[in-house]
């Protein structure tokens, strides 16, 4: 007797393993409007926030870029 090509002859057993731990943000940093940040495209400031993305106005350029929090580095204000 010929078996069908796609049968449940070999069942795939599910692997039971613990859930991955939740991702932690470094320090849970809050970003606000007008904060100074460093992106891969250069320094800039945050001008708009939409859910998990931040619109950055780049210094010395006409460009604006949307970035995620994970790709931003915060620039501390210089204390004189």
PDB file of N, CA and C in Angstrom:
ATOM      1  N   UNK A   1       0.836  -1.177   0.000  1.00  0.00           N
ATOM      2  CA  UNK A   1       0.000   0.000   0.000  1.00  0.00           C
ATOM      3  C   UNK A   1       0.884   1.246   0.000  1.00  0.00           C
ATOM      4  N   UNK A   2       0.550   2.175  -0.818  1.00  0.00           N
ATOM      5  CA  UNK A   2       1.343   3.391  -0.971  1.00  0.00           C
ATOM      6  C   UNK A   2       0.844   4.457   0.005  1.00  0.00           C
ATOM      7  N   UNK A   3       1.809   5.079   0.722  1.00  0.00           N
ATOM      8  CA  UNK A   3       1.423   6.132   1.666  1.00  0.00           C
ATOM      9  C   UNK A   3       1.401   7.478   0.959  1.00  0.00           C
ATOM     10  N   UNK A   4       0.528   8.347   1.463  1.00  0.00           N
ATOM     11  CA  UNK A   4       0.478   9.698   0.903  1.00  0.00           C
ATOM     12  C   UNK A   4       1.790  10.412   1.217  1.00  0.00           C
ATOM     13  N   UNK A   5       2.119  11.348   0.401  1.00  0.00           N
ATOM     14  CA  UNK A   5       3.391  12.043   0.547  1.00  0.00           C
ATOM     15  C   UNK A   5       3.463  12.875   1.833  1.00  0.00           C
ATOM     16  N   UNK A   6       2.383  13.515   2.202  1.00  0.00           N
ATOM     17  CA  UNK A   6       2.365  14.374   3.370  1.00  0.00           C
ATOM     18  C   UNK A   6       1.433  13.790   4.436  1.00  0.00           C
ATOM     19  N   UNK A   7       1.914  12.858   5.161  1.00  0.00           N
ATOM     20  CA  UNK A   7       1.119  12.260   6.226  1.00  0.00           C
ATOM     21  C   UNK A   7       1.715  12.645   7.570  1.00  0.00           C
ATOM     22  N   UNK A   8       1.025  12.263   8.600  1.00  0.00           N
ATOM     23  CA  UNK A   8       1.541  12.532   9.932  1.00  0.00           C
ATOM     24  C   UNK A   8       2.343  11.331  10.428  1.00  0.00           C
ATOM     25  N   UNK A   9       3.002  10.697   9.528  1.00  0.00           N
ATOM     26  CA  UNK A   9       3.810   9.539   9.880  1.00  0.00           C
ATOM     27  C   UNK A   9       4.880   9.927  10.891  1.00  0.00           C
ATOM     28  N   UNK A  10       5.559  11.003  10.640  1.00  0.00           N
ATOM     29  CA  UNK A  10       6.553  11.516  11.579  1.00  0.00           C
ATOM     30  C   UNK A  10       6.009  12.801  12.175  1.00  0.00           C
ATOM     31  N   UNK A  11       5.577  12.721  13.408  1.00  0.00           N
ATOM     32  CA  UNK A  11       5.054  13.923  14.052  1.00  0.00           C
ATOM     33  C   UNK A  11       6.207  14.727  14.619  1.00  0.00           C
ATOM     34  N   UNK A  12       6.114  16.010  14.472  1.00  0.00           N
ATOM     35  CA  UNK A  12       7.113  16.902  15.046  1.00  0.00           C
ATOM     36  C   UNK A  12       6.713  17.167  16.490  1.00  0.00           C
ATOM     37  N   UNK A  13       7.581  16.808  17.392  1.00  0.00           N
ATOM     38  CA  UNK A  13       7.288  17.014  18.801  1.00  0.00           C
ATOM     39  C   UNK A  13       7.757  18.402  19.199  1.00  0.00           C
ATOM     40  N   UNK A  14       6.915  19.087  19.956  1.00  0.00           N
ATOM     41  CA  UNK A  14       7.293  20.424  20.392  1.00  0.00           C
ATOM     42  C   UNK A  14       8.330  20.322  21.497  1.00  0.00           C
ATOM     43  N   UNK A  15       9.232  21.239  21.486  1.00  0.00           N
ATOM     44  CA  UNK A  15      10.285  21.286  22.501  1.00  0.00           C
ATOM     45  C   UNK A  15       9.821  22.222  23.598  1.00  0.00           C
ATOM     46  N   UNK A  16       9.769  21.720  24.798  1.00  0.00           N
ATOM     47  CA  UNK A  16       9.353  22.545  25.928  1.00  0.00           C
ATOM     48  C   UNK A  16      10.610  23.120  26.566  1.00  0.00           C
ATOM     49  N   UNK A  17      10.716  24.429  26.512  1.00  0.00           N
ATOM     50  CA  UNK A  17      11.871  25.101  27.115  1.00  0.00           C
ATOM     51  C   UNK A  17      11.377  26.369  27.792  1.00  0.00           C
ATOM     52  N   UNK A  18      12.153  26.898  28.725  1.00  0.00           N
ATOM     53  CA  UNK A  18      11.710  28.109  29.421  1.00  0.00           C
ATOM     54  C   UNK A  18      11.683  29.305  28.471  1.00  0.00           C
ATOM     55  N   UNK A  19      10.834  30.250  28.790  1.00  0.00           N
ATOM     56  CA  UNK A  19      10.747  31.467  27.983  1.00  0.00           C
ATOM     57  C   UNK A  19      12.008  32.292  28.117  1.00  0.00           C
ATOM     58  N   UNK A  20      12.323  33.037  27.070  1.00  0.00           N
ATOM     59  CA  UNK A  20      13.470  33.932  27.124  1.00  0.00           C
ATOM     60  C   UNK A  20      13.192  35.040  28.130  1.00  0.00           C
ATOM     61  N   UNK A  21      14.207  35.483  28.849  1.00  0.00           N
ATOM     62  CA  UNK A  21      13.983  36.571  29.799  1.00  0.00           C
ATOM     63  C   UNK A  21      13.656  37.854  29.053  1.00  0.00           C
ATOM     64  N   UNK A  22      12.874  38.745  29.656  1.00  0.00           N
ATOM     65  CA  UNK A  22      12.545  40.000  28.967  1.00  0.00           C
ATOM     66  C   UNK A  22      13.801  40.829  28.746  1.00  0.00           C
ATOM     67  N   UNK A  23      13.817  41.536  27.642  1.00  0.00           N
ATOM     68  CA  UNK A  23      14.964  42.401  27.343  1.00  0.00           C
ATOM     69  C   UNK A  23      14.949  43.609  28.266  1.00  0.00           C
ATOM     70  N   UNK A  24      16.112  43.962  28.722  1.00  0.00           N
ATOM     71  CA  UNK A  24      16.227  45.124  29.601  1.00  0.00           C
ATOM     72  C   UNK A  24      16.928  46.245  28.855  1.00  0.00           C
ATOM     73  N   UNK A  25      16.389  47.398  28.963  1.00  0.00           N
ATOM     74  CA  UNK A  25      17.045  48.567  28.382  1.00  0.00           C
ATOM     75  C   UNK A  25      18.113  49.033  29.365  1.00  0.00           C
ATOM     76  N   UNK A  26      19.228  49.492  28.850  1.00  0.00           N
ATOM     77  CA  UNK A  26      20.275  49.938  29.767  1.00  0.00           C
ATOM     78  C   UNK A  26      19.829  51.161  30.557  1.00  0.00           C
ATOM     79  N   UNK A  27      19.510  50.969  31.812  1.00  0.00           N
ATOM     80  CA  UNK A  27      19.136  52.087  32.680  1.00  0.00           C
ATOM     81  C   UNK A  27      17.741  52.611  32.460  1.00  0.00           C
ATOM     82  N   UNK A  28      16.963  52.018  31.549  1.00  0.00           N
ATOM     83  CA  UNK A  28      15.625  52.526  31.232  1.00  0.00           C
ATOM     84  C   UNK A  28      15.630  54.045  31.068  1.00  0.00           C
ATOM     85  N   UNK A  29      16.416  54.517  30.127  1.00  0.00           N
ATOM     86  CA  UNK A  29      16.587  55.947  29.881  1.00  0.00           C
ATOM     87  C   UNK A  29      15.350  56.490  29.185  1.00  0.00           C
ATOM     88  N   UNK A  30      14.833  57.578  29.679  1.00  0.00           N
ATOM     89  CA  UNK A  30      13.693  58.229  29.046  1.00  0.00           C
ATOM     90  C   UNK A  30      14.194  59.324  28.117  1.00  0.00           C
ATOM     91  N   UNK A  31      13.649  59.355  26.932  1.00  0.00           N
ATOM     92  CA  UNK A  31      14.030  60.361  25.947  1.00  0.00           C
ATOM     93  C   UNK A  31      12.905  61.372  25.861  1.00  0.00           C
ATOM     94  N   UNK A  32      13.263  62.634  25.908  1.00  0.00           N
ATOM     95  CA  UNK A  32      12.282  63.712  25.817  1.00  0.00           C
ATOM     96  C   UNK A  32      12.580  64.546  24.582  1.00  0.00           C
ATOM     97  N   UNK A  33      11.644  65.399  24.245  1.00  0.00           N
ATOM     98  CA  UNK A  33      11.866  66.314  23.131  1.00  0.00           C
ATOM     99  C   UNK A  33      13.036  67.238  23.451  1.00  0.00           C
ATOM    100  N   UNK A  34      13.762  67.605  22.423  1.00  0.00           N
ATOM    101  CA  UNK A  34      14.928  68.489  22.484  1.00  0.00           C
ATOM    102  C   UNK A  34      16.132  67.889  23.202  1.00  0.00           C
ATOM    103  N   UNK A  35      16.121  66.588  23.479  1.00  0.00           N
ATOM    104  CA  UNK A  35      17.310  65.936  24.031  1.00  0.00           C
ATOM    105  C   UNK A  35      18.361  65.804  22.943  1.00  0.00           C
ATOM    106  N   UNK A  36      19.612  65.983  23.308  1.00  0.00           N
ATOM    107  CA  UNK A  36      20.724  65.847  22.376  1.00  0.00           C
ATOM    108  C   UNK A  36      21.131  64.381  22.305  1.00  0.00           C
ATOM    109  N   UNK A  37      21.260  63.851  21.081  1.00  0.00           N
ATOM    110  CA  UNK A  37      21.631  62.458  20.874  1.00  0.00           C
ATOM    111  C   UNK A  37      22.655  62.346  19.756  1.00  0.00           C
ATOM    112  N   UNK A  38      23.320  61.204  19.721  1.00  0.00           N
ATOM    113  CA  UNK A  38      24.280  60.888  18.667  1.00  0.00           C
ATOM    114  C   UNK A  38      23.736  59.701  17.890  1.00  0.00           C
ATOM    115  N   UNK A  39      23.648  59.813  16.565  1.00  0.00           N
ATOM    116  CA  UNK A  39      23.180  58.721  15.715  1.00  0.00           C
ATOM    117  C   UNK A  39      24.325  58.262  14.823  1.00  0.00           C
ATOM    118  N   UNK A  40      24.076  57.260  14.025  1.00  0.00           N
ATOM    119  CA  UNK A  40      25.083  56.794  13.068  1.00  0.00           C
ATOM    120  C   UNK A  40      25.337  57.842  11.989  1.00  0.00           C
ATOM    121  N   UNK A  41      24.380  58.757  11.803  1.00  0.00           N
ATOM    122  CA  UNK A  41      24.502  59.801  10.782  1.00  0.00           C
ATOM    123  C   UNK A  41      25.093  61.084  11.325  1.00  0.00           C
ATOM    124  N   UNK A  42      25.291  61.166  12.634  1.00  0.00           N
ATOM    125  CA  UNK A  42      25.854  62.355  13.250  1.00  0.00           C
ATOM    126  C   UNK A  42      25.015  62.825  14.429  1.00  0.00           C
ATOM    127  N   UNK A  43      25.455  63.899  15.080  1.00  0.00           N
ATOM    128  CA  UNK A  43      24.719  64.404  16.243  1.00  0.00           C
ATOM    129  C   UNK A  43      23.447  65.151  15.830  1.00  0.00           C
ATOM    130  N   UNK A  44      22.511  65.222  16.767  1.00  0.00           N
ATOM    131  CA  UNK A  44      21.268  65.922  16.496  1.00  0.00           C
ATOM    132  C   UNK A  44      20.426  66.030  17.747  1.00  0.00           C
ATOM    133  N   UNK A  45      19.170  66.450  17.565  1.00  0.00           N
ATOM    134  CA  UNK A  45      18.261  66.560  18.711  1.00  0.00           C
ATOM    135  C   UNK A  45      16.920  65.946  18.342  1.00  0.00           C
ATOM    136  N   UNK A  46      16.219  65.452  19.354  1.00  0.00           N
ATOM    137  CA  UNK A  46      14.932  64.790  19.161  1.00  0.00           C
ATOM    138  C   UNK A  46      13.867  65.856  18.936  1.00  0.00           C
ATOM    139  N   UNK A  47      13.099  65.732  17.836  1.00  0.00           N
ATOM    140  CA  UNK A  47      12.054  66.718  17.571  1.00  0.00           C
ATOM    141  C   UNK A  47      10.661  66.106  17.555  1.00  0.00           C
ATOM    142  N   UNK A  48      10.572  64.748  17.489  1.00  0.00           N
ATOM    143  CA  UNK A  48       9.264  64.100  17.501  1.00  0.00           C
ATOM    144  C   UNK A  48       9.425  62.670  18.007  1.00  0.00           C
ATOM    145  N   UNK A  49       8.423  62.211  18.762  1.00  0.00           N
ATOM    146  CA  UNK A  49       8.430  60.853  19.282  1.00  0.00           C
ATOM    147  C   UNK A  49       7.136  60.168  18.862  1.00  0.00           C
ATOM    148  N   UNK A  50       7.264  58.983  18.248  1.00  0.00           N
ATOM    149  CA  UNK A  50       6.101  58.196  17.830  1.00  0.00           C
ATOM    150  C   UNK A  50       6.348  56.747  18.235  1.00  0.00           C
ATOM    151  N   UNK A  51       5.664  56.298  19.281  1.00  0.00           N
ATOM    152  CA  UNK A  51       5.785  54.953  19.833  1.00  0.00           C
ATOM    153  C   UNK A  51       7.234  54.629  20.165  1.00  0.00           C
ATOM    154  N   UNK A  52       7.893  53.745  19.398  1.00  0.00           N
ATOM    155  CA  UNK A  52       9.264  53.356  19.715  1.00  0.00           C
ATOM    156  C   UNK A  52      10.294  54.000  18.787  1.00  0.00           C
ATOM    157  N   UNK A  53       9.874  54.990  18.025  1.00  0.00           N
ATOM    158  CA  UNK A  53      10.789  55.665  17.091  1.00  0.00           C
ATOM    159  C   UNK A  53      10.917  57.135  17.445  1.00  0.00           C
ATOM    160  N   UNK A  54      12.076  57.673  17.127  1.00  0.00           N
ATOM    161  CA  UNK A  54      12.390  59.071  17.451  1.00  0.00           C
ATOM    162  C   UNK A  54      12.863  59.772  16.188  1.00  0.00           C
ATOM    163  N   UNK A  55      12.273  60.938  15.902  1.00  0.00           N
ATOM    164  CA  UNK A  55      12.691  61.731  14.748  1.00  0.00           C
ATOM    165  C   UNK A  55      13.803  62.654  15.198  1.00  0.00           C
ATOM    166  N   UNK A  56      14.954  62.526  14.548  1.00  0.00           N
ATOM    167  CA  UNK A  56      16.143  63.277  14.925  1.00  0.00           C
ATOM    168  C   UNK A  56      16.448  64.300  13.843  1.00  0.00           C
ATOM    169  N   UNK A  57      16.592  65.559  14.262  1.00  0.00           N
ATOM    170  CA  UNK A  57      17.033  66.618  13.351  1.00  0.00           C
ATOM    171  C   UNK A  57      18.545  66.694  13.469  1.00  0.00           C
ATOM    172  N   UNK A  58      19.236  66.389  12.386  1.00  0.00           N
ATOM    173  CA  UNK A  58      20.694  66.329  12.410  1.00  0.00           C
ATOM    174  C   UNK A  58      21.304  67.720  12.373  1.00  0.00           C
ATOM    175  N   UNK A  59      22.378  67.905  13.131  1.00  0.00           N
ATOM    176  CA  UNK A  59      23.076  69.191  13.176  1.00  0.00           C
ATOM    177  C   UNK A  59      23.855  69.414  11.878  1.00  0.00           C
ATOM    178  N   UNK A  60      23.748  70.613  11.332  1.00  0.00           N
ATOM    179  CA  UNK A  60      24.506  70.976  10.137  1.00  0.00           C
ATOM    180  C   UNK A  60      24.037  70.294   8.867  1.00  0.00           C
ATOM    181  N   UNK A  61      22.873  69.661   8.894  1.00  0.00           N
ATOM    182  CA  UNK A  61      22.349  68.976   7.716  1.00  0.00           C
ATOM    183  C   UNK A  61      20.864  69.284   7.586  1.00  0.00           C
ATOM    184  N   UNK A  62      20.357  69.145   6.401  1.00  0.00           N
ATOM    185  CA  UNK A  62      18.935  69.360   6.173  1.00  0.00           C
ATOM    186  C   UNK A  62      18.153  68.112   6.571  1.00  0.00           C
ATOM    187  N   UNK A  63      18.842  66.988   6.647  1.00  0.00           N
ATOM    188  CA  UNK A  63      18.192  65.692   6.848  1.00  0.00           C
ATOM    189  C   UNK A  63      17.591  65.531   8.239  1.00  0.00           C
ATOM    190  N   UNK A  64      16.544  64.715   8.286  1.00  0.00           N
ATOM    191  CA  UNK A  64      15.944  64.242   9.527  1.00  0.00           C
ATOM    192  C   UNK A  64      15.822  62.735   9.394  1.00  0.00           C
ATOM    193  N   UNK A  65      16.099  62.003  10.464  1.00  0.00           N
ATOM    194  CA  UNK A  65      16.042  60.543  10.401  1.00  0.00           C
ATOM    195  C   UNK A  65      15.222  59.981  11.562  1.00  0.00           C
ATOM    196  N   UNK A  66      14.536  58.870  11.289  1.00  0.00           N
ATOM    197  CA  UNK A  66      13.816  58.139  12.328  1.00  0.00           C
ATOM    198  C   UNK A  66      14.755  57.070  12.860  1.00  0.00           C
ATOM    199  N   UNK A  67      14.911  57.010  14.163  1.00  0.00           N
ATOM    200  CA  UNK A  67      15.787  56.018  14.788  1.00  0.00           C
ATOM    201  C   UNK A  67      15.077  55.363  15.956  1.00  0.00           C
ATOM    202  N   UNK A  68      15.505  54.156  16.297  1.00  0.00           N
ATOM    203  CA  UNK A  68      15.020  53.478  17.491  1.00  0.00           C
ATOM    204  C   UNK A  68      15.931  53.826  18.670  1.00  0.00           C
ATOM    205  N   UNK A  69      15.427  53.613  19.868  1.00  0.00           N
ATOM    206  CA  UNK A  69      16.181  53.942  21.073  1.00  0.00           C
ATOM    207  C   UNK A  69      17.490  53.172  21.144  1.00  0.00           C
ATOM    208  N   UNK A  70      17.494  51.936  20.655  1.00  0.00           N
ATOM    209  CA  UNK A  70      18.698  51.102  20.738  1.00  0.00           C
ATOM    210  C   UNK A  70      19.851  51.649  19.899  1.00  0.00           C
ATOM    211  N   UNK A  71      19.566  52.475  18.908  1.00  0.00           N
ATOM    212  CA  UNK A  71      20.636  52.997  18.053  1.00  0.00           C
ATOM    213  C   UNK A  71      21.048  54.420  18.421  1.00  0.00           C
ATOM    214  N   UNK A  72      20.515  54.942  19.519  1.00  0.00           N
ATOM    215  CA  UNK A  72      20.847  56.301  19.942  1.00  0.00           C
ATOM    216  C   UNK A  72      21.836  56.298  21.098  1.00  0.00           C
ATOM    217  N   UNK A  73      22.738  57.261  21.087  1.00  0.00           N
ATOM    218  CA  UNK A  73      23.647  57.495  22.204  1.00  0.00           C
ATOM    219  C   UNK A  73      23.356  58.894  22.726  1.00  0.00           C
ATOM    220  N   UNK A  74      23.228  59.029  24.008  1.00  0.00           N
ATOM    221  CA  UNK A  74      22.886  60.311  24.585  1.00  0.00           C
ATOM    222  C   UNK A  74      24.126  61.175  24.758  1.00  0.00           C
ATOM    223  N   UNK A  75      23.979  62.440  24.418  1.00  0.00           N
ATOM    224  CA  UNK A  75      25.067  63.403  24.579  1.00  0.00           C
ATOM    225  C   UNK A  75      24.778  64.206  25.824  1.00  0.00           C
ATOM    226  N   UNK A  76      25.658  64.104  26.784  1.00  0.00           N
ATOM    227  CA  UNK A  76      25.483  64.844  28.041  1.00  0.00           C
ATOM    228  C   UNK A  76      25.810  66.313  27.823  1.00  0.00           C
ATOM    229  N   UNK A  77      25.017  67.219  28.400  1.00  0.00           N
ATOM    230  CA  UNK A  77      25.357  68.637  28.265  1.00  0.00           C
ATOM    231  C   UNK A  77      26.650  68.948  28.985  1.00  0.00           C
ATOM    232  N   UNK A  78      27.434  69.804  28.377  1.00  0.00           N
ATOM    233  CA  UNK A  78      28.733  70.160  28.971  1.00  0.00           C
ATOM    234  C   UNK A  78      28.512  71.077  30.167  1.00  0.00           C
ATOM    235  N   UNK A  79      29.130  70.718  31.267  1.00  0.00           N
ATOM    236  CA  UNK A  79      29.031  71.536  32.484  1.00  0.00           C
ATOM    237  C   UNK A  79      30.242  72.436  32.522  1.00  0.00           C
ATOM    238  N   UNK A  80      30.010  73.742  32.606  1.00  0.00           N
ATOM    239  CA  UNK A  80      31.105  74.707  32.606  1.00  0.00           C
ATOM    240  C   UNK A  80      31.482  75.096  33.993  1.00  0.00           C
TER     241      UNK A  80
END
